[in-house]
Amino acid sequence: MAMAADDIKALLLESFAGAQVEIIDLAGDGNHYKAVIASEQFAGKSRVAQHQMVYAALKGAMDGTNDAQLHALALETKAL
């Protein structure tokens, strides 16, 4: 089952309290998203570390261990 944009945003905000999160449906099909996340928690972290934090926050939606699945997710992360 595809994951809704609101569900993606909710998971991210749960892990990154106070973050600025924008979810963009790139293809209009509910399967290809871009997440733009600005969080204080990213300060001093490499881009790779930031993206690993996001994947962890999505609780298995990217690796097939969750019922709701993300087919494609582009990430843009930055520190506040």
C-alpha atoms as a PDB file:
ATOM      1  CA  MET A   1       0.000   0.000   0.000  1.00  0.00           C
ATOM      2  CA  ALA A   2       1.335   3.433  -0.934  1.00  0.00           C
ATOM      3  CA  MET A   3       2.005   5.926   1.825  1.00  0.00           C
ATOM      4  CA  ALA A   4       0.076   9.218   1.850  1.00  0.00           C
ATOM      5  CA  ALA A   5       1.960  12.526   1.964  1.00  0.00           C
ATOM      6  CA  ASP A   6       0.289  13.434   5.282  1.00  0.00           C
ATOM      7  CA  ASP A   7       1.503  10.163   6.813  1.00  0.00           C
ATOM      8  CA  ILE A   8       5.066  10.830   5.665  1.00  0.00           C
ATOM      9  CA  LYS A   9       4.946  14.322   7.143  1.00  0.00           C
ATOM     10  CA  ALA A  10       3.508  13.048  10.437  1.00  0.00           C
ATOM     11  CA  LEU A  11       6.296  10.467  10.835  1.00  0.00           C
ATOM     12  CA  LEU A  12       8.946  13.073  10.119  1.00  0.00           C
ATOM     13  CA  LEU A  13       7.488  15.605  12.539  1.00  0.00           C
ATOM     14  CA  GLU A  14       7.270  12.899  15.199  1.00  0.00           C
ATOM     15  CA  SER A  15      11.032  12.387  14.961  1.00  0.00           C
ATOM     16  CA  PHE A  16      12.055  15.966  14.159  1.00  0.00           C
ATOM     17  CA  ALA A  17       9.982  18.112  16.518  1.00  0.00           C
ATOM     18  CA  GLY A  18       9.981  21.746  15.459  1.00  0.00           C
ATOM     19  CA  ALA A  19      11.250  20.943  11.975  1.00  0.00           C
ATOM     20  CA  GLN A  20      10.021  22.557   8.795  1.00  0.00           C
ATOM     21  CA  VAL A  21       8.717  19.716   6.603  1.00  0.00           C
ATOM     22  CA  GLU A  22       7.335  19.947   3.088  1.00  0.00           C
ATOM     23  CA  ILE A  23       6.212  16.887   1.125  1.00  0.00           C
ATOM     24  CA  ILE A  24       5.900  17.296  -2.644  1.00  0.00           C
ATOM     25  CA  ASP A  25       4.156  14.704  -4.853  1.00  0.00           C
ATOM     26  CA  LEU A  26       6.520  14.775  -7.832  1.00  0.00           C
ATOM     27  CA  ALA A  27       4.430  12.761 -10.296  1.00  0.00           C
ATOM     28  CA  GLY A  28       0.921  13.323  -8.960  1.00  0.00           C
ATOM     29  CA  ASP A  29       0.576   9.580  -8.439  1.00  0.00           C
ATOM     30  CA  GLY A  30       1.044   9.278  -4.668  1.00  0.00           C
ATOM     31  CA  ASN A  31       4.162   7.141  -5.171  1.00  0.00           C
ATOM     32  CA  HIS A  32       6.954   9.587  -6.011  1.00  0.00           C
ATOM     33  CA  TYR A  33       7.675  12.202  -3.364  1.00  0.00           C
ATOM     34  CA  LYS A  34      10.254  14.771  -2.411  1.00  0.00           C
ATOM     35  CA  ALA A  35      10.692  15.651   1.250  1.00  0.00           C
ATOM     36  CA  VAL A  36      12.268  18.985   2.180  1.00  0.00           C
ATOM     37  CA  ILE A  37      13.227  18.927   5.854  1.00  0.00           C
ATOM     38  CA  ALA A  38      14.921  21.655   7.871  1.00  0.00           C
ATOM     39  CA  SER A  39      15.752  20.663  11.433  1.00  0.00           C
ATOM     40  CA  GLU A  40      18.070  21.756  14.226  1.00  0.00           C
ATOM     41  CA  GLN A  41      18.894  18.058  14.682  1.00  0.00           C
ATOM     42  CA  PHE A  42      20.817  18.108  11.379  1.00  0.00           C
ATOM     43  CA  ALA A  43      23.331  20.700  12.617  1.00  0.00           C
ATOM     44  CA  GLY A  44      26.893  19.421  12.346  1.00  0.00           C
ATOM     45  CA  LYS A  45      25.834  16.222  10.581  1.00  0.00           C
ATOM     46  CA  SER A  46      26.944  15.177   7.098  1.00  0.00           C
ATOM     47  CA  ARG A  47      24.352  14.914   4.338  1.00  0.00           C
ATOM     48  CA  VAL A  48      24.607  11.112   4.537  1.00  0.00           C
ATOM     49  CA  ALA A  49      23.983  11.162   8.302  1.00  0.00           C
ATOM     50  CA  GLN A  50      21.019  13.502   7.821  1.00  0.00           C
ATOM     51  CA  HIS A  51      19.471  11.171   5.251  1.00  0.00           C
ATOM     52  CA  GLN A  52      20.056   8.149   7.502  1.00  0.00           C
ATOM     53  CA  MET A  53      18.175   9.984  10.251  1.00  0.00           C
ATOM     54  CA  VAL A  54      15.258  10.556   7.876  1.00  0.00           C
ATOM     55  CA  TYR A  55      15.171   6.899   6.805  1.00  0.00           C
ATOM     56  CA  ALA A  56      15.143   5.849  10.468  1.00  0.00           C
ATOM     57  CA  ALA A  57      12.256   8.252  11.132  1.00  0.00           C
ATOM     58  CA  LEU A  58      10.225   6.623   8.350  1.00  0.00           C
ATOM     59  CA  LYS A  59      10.212   3.374  10.346  1.00  0.00           C
ATOM     60  CA  GLY A  60      10.689   0.850   7.565  1.00  0.00           C
ATOM     61  CA  ALA A  61       8.607   2.512   4.859  1.00  0.00           C
ATOM     62  CA  MET A  62      11.631   2.598   2.538  1.00  0.00           C
ATOM     63  CA  ASP A  63      12.990  -0.908   3.154  1.00  0.00           C
ATOM     64  CA  GLY A  64       9.845  -3.002   2.922  1.00  0.00           C
ATOM     65  CA  THR A  65       9.423  -3.782   6.623  1.00  0.00           C
ATOM     66  CA  ASN A  66       6.335  -1.590   6.994  1.00  0.00           C
ATOM     67  CA  ASP A  67       2.832  -2.158   5.547  1.00  0.00           C
ATOM     68  CA  ALA A  68       2.764   1.341   4.046  1.00  0.00           C
ATOM     69  CA  GLN A  69       5.493   1.625   1.413  1.00  0.00           C
ATOM     70  CA  LEU A  70       7.295   4.496  -0.240  1.00  0.00           C
ATOM     71  CA  HIS A  71       8.226   3.750  -3.829  1.00  0.00           C
ATOM     72  CA  ALA A  72      10.461   6.788  -4.364  1.00  0.00           C
ATOM     73  CA  LEU A  73      11.536   9.579  -2.039  1.00  0.00           C
ATOM     74  CA  ALA A  74      13.956  12.345  -2.937  1.00  0.00           C
ATOM     75  CA  LEU A  75      15.431  14.115   0.084  1.00  0.00           C
ATOM     76  CA  GLU A  76      16.555  17.670   0.668  1.00  0.00           C
ATOM     77  CA  THR A  77      17.791  18.178   4.204  1.00  0.00           C
ATOM     78  CA  LYS A  78      19.307  21.185   5.921  1.00  0.00           C
ATOM     79  CA  ALA A  79      20.053  22.428   9.393  1.00  0.00           C
ATOM     80  CA  LEU A  80      18.040  25.267  10.905  1.00  0.00           C
END
